[in-house]
Amino acid sequence: MSSASPRREPLRNRLRGWLRQHAYSCIYSIGNLFRHPLATLMTAAVLGLALCLPLLLWVLMGNLEGLRKLDTLESITVFVAGEALDRTDGSSMPLHIDALINELGTWETVASVDSISPDQGLAELQDSGGFGSALELLEENPLPWVLQVIPDTDDAGALEQLLQRLEQHPGIESAQADWRWLQRLQGILQLARNTLQLLAVLFGVGVILVISNTIRLDIQNRQDEIDVLALAGATNSFIRRPFLYTGFWYGALGGLTAILILLLAALWVGDELAHLADAYSQETSLWLPSVQFLAVLTVCCGILGQAGAFIAVNRRLRDLNPV
């Protein structure tokens, strides 16, 4: 027991000294930022503007993907082939239309089938198309019976097979769906995701370069101090530590500035998003990242700042200690 105590004591002292040095470097770096408030604010603004662009694009994509109306196929429009013969029982729906509805309703991927008679279609056209006076000149209704086939799946392959099966049915003239438009939309969103990833990498590298240049200027202003520390026998870690903390604070301030810009932009476009959702008959609210994500983002920006500071300080240390 008595032999273990002398070993534990130096370790405890070294740990206490290590924590004291980090606390001193952290406080010193914060004080250095406050000693140059204008330069600190300008650097944070530049970093915030660089970081906010990929962040804004990511939030925009999150809100667009939240509009589920854009991502799902509501119905397939089916135009019935042949003449519509009246029923002998006095019902307004022809026999072959009723039979076709019953047949399509039994298909696996069909949830329900709604019918639109020629008279209903003509009335909707007169109300919404602005051709009321022109349509009154027609001697007979030229519109066919139309069926709205509502699928019960969102799977791309199943929807494509359903559309092909409807087009090949002998009782159907043609079938139309916005499926290809949806495919193009998905392609655009995927391209936007890839572009967002590329922008995040490029702007991350930009943050490292900006902070590295800022720390390099700080090193030049404190060159005499660094030379004295090196002559006094200070280790590279001791010289490097305050600059690493400064780089971290620069990156974190840039991340907080980007978050502030994001919140201001959200207040600006919130009403426009609501109008867009109303245009697609859907209620939605503005989607924003969680507080936990924003906190992690701030820390990651600080780590990028440390990387930039590490690059700048190591270049100076190599000059002081050439191999």
Protein backbone atom coordinates (compact mmCIF):
# COMPACT_ATOMS: atom_id res chain seq x y z
CA MET A 1 0.00 0.00 0.00
CA SER A 2 2.80 2.40 0.87
CA SER A 3 4.58 1.73 -2.46
CA ALA A 4 1.46 2.48 -4.56
CA SER A 5 0.86 5.92 -3.06
CA PRO A 6 3.98 7.62 -4.56
CA ARG A 7 2.94 6.46 -8.02
CA ARG A 8 -0.60 7.71 -7.68
CA GLU A 9 0.39 11.15 -6.50
CA PRO A 10 2.42 12.19 -9.59
CA LEU A 11 -0.37 10.95 -11.87
CA ARG A 12 -2.91 13.02 -9.94
CA ASN A 13 -0.68 16.05 -10.17
CA ARG A 14 -0.14 15.60 -13.88
CA LEU A 15 -3.89 15.33 -14.45
CA ARG A 16 -4.51 18.44 -12.38
CA GLY A 17 -1.84 20.32 -14.28
CA TRP A 18 -3.23 19.15 -17.62
CA LEU A 19 -6.72 20.37 -16.70
CA ARG A 20 -5.29 23.68 -15.45
CA GLN A 21 -3.48 24.25 -18.73
CA HIS A 22 -6.61 23.53 -20.78
CA ALA A 23 -8.70 25.83 -18.60
CA TYR A 24 -6.12 28.60 -18.98
CA SER A 25 -5.96 28.13 -22.77
CA CYS A 26 -9.75 28.11 -23.07
CA ILE A 27 -10.20 31.29 -21.01
CA TYR A 28 -7.28 32.99 -22.76
CA SER A 29 -8.75 32.21 -26.22
CA ILE A 30 -12.16 33.62 -25.21
CA GLY A 31 -10.51 36.76 -23.90
CA ASN A 32 -8.54 37.11 -27.11
CA LEU A 33 -11.79 37.06 -29.11
CA PHE A 34 -13.32 39.75 -26.91
CA ARG A 35 -10.19 41.89 -27.29
CA HIS A 36 -10.91 42.07 -31.05
CA PRO A 37 -14.73 42.14 -31.24
CA LEU A 38 -15.01 43.59 -34.74
CA ALA A 39 -12.66 41.04 -36.28
CA THR A 40 -14.42 38.25 -34.40
CA LEU A 41 -17.86 39.34 -35.62
CA MET A 42 -16.66 39.68 -39.21
CA THR A 43 -15.08 36.22 -39.16
CA ALA A 44 -18.23 34.70 -37.63
CA ALA A 45 -20.37 36.44 -40.27
CA VAL A 46 -18.25 35.10 -43.13
CA LEU A 47 -18.36 31.57 -41.71
CA GLY A 48 -22.10 31.83 -41.03
CA LEU A 49 -22.83 32.87 -44.61
CA ALA A 50 -20.73 29.99 -45.91
CA LEU A 51 -22.42 27.43 -43.65
CA CYS A 52 -25.99 28.65 -44.04
CA LEU A 53 -26.30 27.81 -47.75
CA PRO A 54 -26.14 23.99 -47.41
CA LEU A 55 -28.16 24.25 -44.21
CA LEU A 56 -30.90 26.24 -45.94
CA LEU A 57 -30.97 23.81 -48.87
CA TRP A 58 -31.29 20.88 -46.47
CA VAL A 59 -34.19 22.51 -44.62
CA LEU A 60 -35.85 23.39 -47.95
CA MET A 61 -35.63 19.77 -49.08
CA GLY A 62 -37.03 18.60 -45.77
CA ASN A 63 -40.05 20.85 -46.21
CA LEU A 64 -40.59 19.78 -49.84
CA GLU A 65 -40.43 16.12 -48.87
CA GLY A 66 -42.92 16.88 -46.12
CA LEU A 67 -45.53 17.71 -48.76
CA ARG A 68 -46.67 14.11 -49.15
CA LYS A 69 -49.10 15.20 -51.84
CA LEU A 70 -46.14 15.58 -54.16
CA ASP A 71 -44.78 12.11 -53.44
CA THR A 72 -47.87 9.95 -53.91
CA LEU A 73 -50.06 9.09 -56.87
CA GLU A 74 -53.67 9.85 -55.92
CA SER A 75 -55.51 8.26 -58.84
CA ILE A 76 -55.26 6.99 -62.40
CA THR A 77 -57.66 8.49 -64.94
CA VAL A 78 -59.25 5.83 -67.16
CA PHE A 79 -61.17 6.67 -70.36
CA VAL A 80 -63.71 3.97 -71.16
CA ALA A 81 -63.81 2.58 -74.71
CA GLY A 82 -66.97 2.10 -76.81
CA GLU A 83 -70.37 3.72 -76.79
CA ALA A 84 -72.24 4.05 -73.53
CA LEU A 85 -75.46 2.07 -73.90
CA ASP A 86 -78.41 2.85 -71.63
CA ARG A 87 -79.48 0.24 -69.11
CA THR A 88 -82.81 -1.47 -69.53
CA ASP A 89 -83.59 -1.11 -65.81
CA GLY A 90 -83.69 2.70 -66.05
CA SER A 91 -80.41 3.34 -64.23
CA SER A 92 -78.25 6.16 -65.61
CA MET A 93 -75.02 4.10 -65.65
CA PRO A 94 -74.53 1.83 -68.69
CA LEU A 95 -74.18 -1.90 -68.11
CA HIS A 96 -70.61 -2.26 -69.35
CA ILE A 97 -69.48 0.69 -67.18
CA ASP A 98 -70.98 -0.93 -64.10
CA ALA A 99 -69.35 -4.25 -64.96
CA LEU A 100 -65.97 -2.59 -65.54
CA ILE A 101 -66.14 -0.82 -62.19
CA ASN A 102 -66.94 -4.11 -60.43
CA GLU A 103 -64.08 -5.85 -62.24
CA LEU A 104 -61.46 -3.22 -61.47
CA GLY A 105 -62.57 -3.13 -57.84
CA THR A 106 -61.48 -6.77 -57.45
CA TRP A 107 -57.87 -6.10 -58.51
CA GLU A 108 -55.28 -6.38 -55.74
CA THR A 109 -53.65 -2.97 -56.13
CA VAL A 110 -56.93 -1.05 -56.53
CA ALA A 111 -58.47 0.52 -53.44
CA SER A 112 -61.61 1.96 -55.06
CA VAL A 113 -63.04 3.13 -58.38
CA ASP A 114 -65.09 6.30 -58.89
CA SER A 115 -67.02 7.13 -62.04
CA ILE A 116 -67.52 10.46 -63.79
CA SER A 117 -70.38 10.54 -66.28
CA PRO A 118 -70.18 12.65 -69.47
CA ASP A 119 -72.73 15.06 -68.03
CA GLN A 120 -70.68 15.49 -64.85
CA GLY A 121 -67.52 16.03 -66.87
CA LEU A 122 -69.22 18.62 -69.07
CA ALA A 123 -70.57 20.46 -66.06
CA GLU A 124 -67.10 20.56 -64.43
CA LEU A 125 -65.62 21.81 -67.70
CA GLN A 126 -68.21 24.59 -67.93
CA ASP A 127 -67.53 25.65 -64.33
CA SER A 128 -63.74 25.62 -64.41
CA GLY A 129 -62.66 25.93 -68.03
CA GLY A 130 -64.23 29.24 -69.02
CA PHE A 131 -65.79 27.67 -72.16
CA GLY A 132 -69.41 27.84 -71.01
CA SER A 133 -70.78 29.69 -74.03
CA ALA A 134 -68.75 27.61 -76.51
CA LEU A 135 -69.85 24.29 -74.98
CA GLU A 136 -73.51 25.30 -75.25
CA LEU A 137 -73.14 25.30 -79.05
CA LEU A 138 -72.40 21.56 -79.09
CA GLU A 139 -75.28 19.41 -80.33
CA GLU A 140 -74.26 16.44 -78.21
CA ASN A 141 -71.89 15.73 -75.33
CA PRO A 142 -68.53 14.52 -76.79
CA LEU A 143 -67.04 13.47 -73.46
CA PRO A 144 -66.67 9.76 -72.60
CA TRP A 145 -67.24 7.99 -69.33
CA VAL A 146 -64.22 8.43 -67.06
CA LEU A 147 -63.16 6.28 -64.14
CA GLN A 148 -60.88 7.40 -61.33
CA VAL A 149 -58.91 4.34 -60.19
CA ILE A 150 -57.42 4.93 -56.74
CA PRO A 151 -54.46 2.60 -55.98
CA ASP A 152 -53.78 1.25 -52.51
CA THR A 153 -49.99 1.19 -52.83
CA ASP A 154 -47.16 3.68 -53.17
CA ASP A 155 -44.69 1.17 -54.60
CA ALA A 156 -43.27 2.40 -57.91
CA GLY A 157 -43.17 -1.03 -59.55
CA ALA A 158 -46.72 -1.92 -58.51
CA LEU A 159 -48.09 1.39 -59.80
CA GLU A 160 -46.31 0.95 -63.14
CA GLN A 161 -47.75 -2.57 -63.51
CA LEU A 162 -51.23 -1.32 -62.65
CA LEU A 163 -51.01 1.42 -65.29
CA GLN A 164 -49.85 -1.05 -67.95
CA ARG A 165 -52.62 -3.51 -67.04
CA LEU A 166 -55.25 -0.79 -67.35
CA GLU A 167 -53.93 0.30 -70.75
CA GLN A 168 -54.09 -3.31 -72.04
CA HIS A 169 -57.69 -3.87 -70.87
CA PRO A 170 -60.04 -4.28 -73.86
CA GLY A 171 -62.75 -2.13 -72.28
CA ILE A 172 -60.44 0.83 -71.70
CA GLU A 173 -59.49 3.33 -74.39
CA SER A 174 -56.55 4.84 -72.47
CA ALA A 175 -55.25 5.39 -68.97
CA GLN A 176 -53.35 8.44 -67.77
CA ALA A 177 -51.38 9.08 -64.61
CA ASP A 178 -48.86 11.59 -63.35
CA TRP A 179 -46.46 8.73 -62.74
CA ARG A 180 -43.76 9.98 -65.10
CA TRP A 181 -44.04 13.43 -63.55
CA LEU A 182 -43.55 11.83 -60.15
CA GLN A 183 -40.50 9.99 -61.45
CA ARG A 184 -39.03 13.25 -62.69
CA LEU A 185 -39.76 14.85 -59.32
CA GLN A 186 -37.98 12.03 -57.50
CA GLY A 187 -35.02 12.42 -59.85
CA ILE A 188 -34.85 16.14 -59.14
CA LEU A 189 -34.98 15.54 -55.38
CA GLN A 190 -32.21 12.94 -55.61
CA LEU A 191 -30.09 15.36 -57.64
CA ALA A 192 -30.72 18.00 -55.00
CA ARG A 193 -29.59 15.58 -52.27
CA ASN A 194 -26.35 14.82 -54.11
CA THR A 195 -25.75 18.52 -54.72
CA LEU A 196 -26.38 19.22 -51.05
CA GLN A 197 -23.78 16.65 -50.00
CA LEU A 198 -21.25 18.14 -52.40
CA LEU A 199 -21.94 21.67 -51.15
CA ALA A 200 -21.60 20.54 -47.53
CA VAL A 201 -18.15 19.10 -48.26
CA LEU A 202 -17.02 22.15 -50.25
CA PHE A 203 -18.20 24.67 -47.69
CA GLY A 204 -16.72 22.56 -44.89
CA VAL A 205 -13.35 22.78 -46.63
CA GLY A 206 -13.96 26.51 -47.07
CA VAL A 207 -14.53 26.91 -43.33
CA ILE A 208 -11.25 25.13 -42.60
CA LEU A 209 -9.37 27.39 -45.02
CA VAL A 210 -10.93 30.61 -43.69
CA ILE A 211 -10.16 29.75 -40.07
CA SER A 212 -6.68 28.55 -40.99
CA ASN A 213 -5.95 31.91 -42.63
CA THR A 214 -7.43 33.79 -39.65
CA ILE A 215 -5.30 31.84 -37.18
CA ARG A 216 -2.25 32.37 -39.38
CA LEU A 217 -2.74 36.14 -39.09
CA ASP A 218 -3.17 35.78 -35.34
CA ILE A 219 0.08 33.80 -35.18
CA GLN A 220 1.89 36.56 -37.08
CA ASN A 221 0.63 39.16 -34.61
CA ARG A 222 1.90 37.05 -31.71
CA GLN A 223 5.10 35.88 -33.34
CA ASP A 224 7.37 37.39 -30.68
CA GLU A 225 5.38 35.74 -27.91
CA ILE A 226 5.61 32.36 -29.63
CA ASP A 227 9.35 32.74 -30.16
CA VAL A 228 9.89 33.53 -26.48
CA LEU A 229 7.83 30.49 -25.43
CA ALA A 230 9.82 28.27 -27.78
CA LEU A 231 13.13 29.60 -26.38
CA ALA A 232 11.86 29.03 -22.83
CA GLY A 233 11.33 25.37 -23.64
CA ALA A 234 7.55 25.31 -24.11
CA THR A 235 6.31 22.18 -25.83
CA ASN A 236 4.51 22.23 -29.16
CA SER A 237 1.30 21.18 -27.42
CA PHE A 238 1.52 24.13 -25.03
CA ILE A 239 2.03 26.58 -27.91
CA ARG A 240 -0.65 24.99 -30.06
CA ARG A 241 -3.39 24.68 -27.43
CA PRO A 242 -4.66 28.32 -27.25
CA PHE A 243 -4.90 28.54 -31.03
CA LEU A 244 -6.89 25.29 -31.19
CA TYR A 245 -9.39 26.70 -28.73
CA THR A 246 -9.56 29.93 -30.75
CA GLY A 247 -10.27 27.93 -33.90
CA PHE A 248 -13.00 26.02 -32.09
CA TRP A 249 -14.69 29.23 -30.94
CA TYR A 250 -14.49 30.69 -34.45
CA GLY A 251 -16.14 27.60 -35.92
CA ALA A 252 -18.81 27.45 -33.21
CA LEU A 253 -19.63 31.15 -33.68
CA GLY A 254 -19.90 30.56 -37.43
CA GLY A 255 -22.31 27.68 -36.80
CA LEU A 256 -24.43 29.80 -34.46
CA THR A 257 -24.51 32.58 -37.05
CA ALA A 258 -25.68 30.10 -39.70
CA ILE A 259 -28.44 28.91 -37.34
CA LEU A 260 -29.52 32.52 -36.74
CA ILE A 261 -29.71 33.12 -40.50
CA LEU A 262 -31.74 29.91 -40.84
CA LEU A 263 -34.27 31.05 -38.23
CA LEU A 264 -34.63 34.47 -39.88
CA ALA A 265 -35.15 32.80 -43.27
CA ALA A 266 -37.75 30.47 -41.74
CA LEU A 267 -39.74 33.45 -40.48
CA TRP A 268 -39.55 34.97 -43.94
CA VAL A 269 -40.66 31.96 -46.00
CA GLY A 270 -43.05 30.40 -43.50
CA ASP A 271 -46.12 32.07 -45.03
CA GLU A 272 -45.06 31.13 -48.57
CA LEU A 273 -44.76 27.48 -47.53
CA ALA A 274 -48.27 27.62 -46.10
CA HIS A 275 -49.57 29.01 -49.41
CA LEU A 276 -47.78 26.23 -51.29
CA ALA A 277 -49.36 23.61 -49.05
CA ASP A 278 -52.80 25.18 -49.56
CA ALA A 279 -52.31 24.93 -53.32
CA TYR A 280 -52.02 21.14 -52.89
CA SER A 281 -54.91 20.99 -50.39
CA GLN A 282 -52.67 19.93 -47.56
CA GLU A 283 -52.05 21.30 -44.11
CA THR A 284 -48.41 21.51 -43.13
CA SER A 285 -46.13 23.42 -40.82
CA LEU A 286 -42.60 24.64 -41.37
CA TRP A 287 -40.10 21.87 -40.64
CA LEU A 288 -36.92 22.88 -38.84
CA PRO A 289 -34.06 20.78 -37.42
CA SER A 290 -34.27 19.77 -33.80
CA VAL A 291 -32.40 21.57 -31.04
CA GLN A 292 -30.20 18.49 -30.56
CA PHE A 293 -29.19 18.54 -34.23
CA LEU A 294 -28.39 22.25 -34.10
CA ALA A 295 -26.24 21.68 -31.02
CA VAL A 296 -24.35 18.88 -32.77
CA LEU A 297 -23.97 21.11 -35.84
CA THR A 298 -22.40 23.85 -33.71
CA VAL A 299 -19.92 21.40 -32.18
CA CYS A 300 -19.04 20.00 -35.63
CA CYS A 301 -18.38 23.53 -36.90
CA GLY A 302 -16.12 24.05 -33.91
CA ILE A 303 -14.22 20.88 -34.79
CA LEU A 304 -13.77 22.16 -38.34
CA GLY A 305 -12.37 25.35 -36.85
CA GLN A 306 -9.93 23.33 -34.76
CA ALA A 307 -8.79 21.51 -37.90
CA GLY A 308 -8.07 24.82 -39.61
CA ALA A 309 -6.21 26.11 -36.55
CA PHE A 310 -4.19 22.91 -36.33
CA ILE A 311 -3.03 23.31 -39.94
CA ALA A 312 -1.97 26.94 -39.39
CA VAL A 313 -0.16 26.31 -36.08
CA ASN A 314 1.68 23.24 -37.33
CA ARG A 315 3.11 25.23 -40.23
CA ARG A 316 4.53 27.75 -37.75
CA LEU A 317 5.86 25.02 -35.47
CA ARG A 318 7.68 23.40 -38.37
CA ASP A 319 9.39 26.73 -39.00
CA LEU A 320 10.44 26.92 -35.36
CA ASN A 321 11.63 23.31 -35.27
CA PRO A 322 12.96 22.45 -38.72
CA VAL A 323 13.82 18.81 -39.25
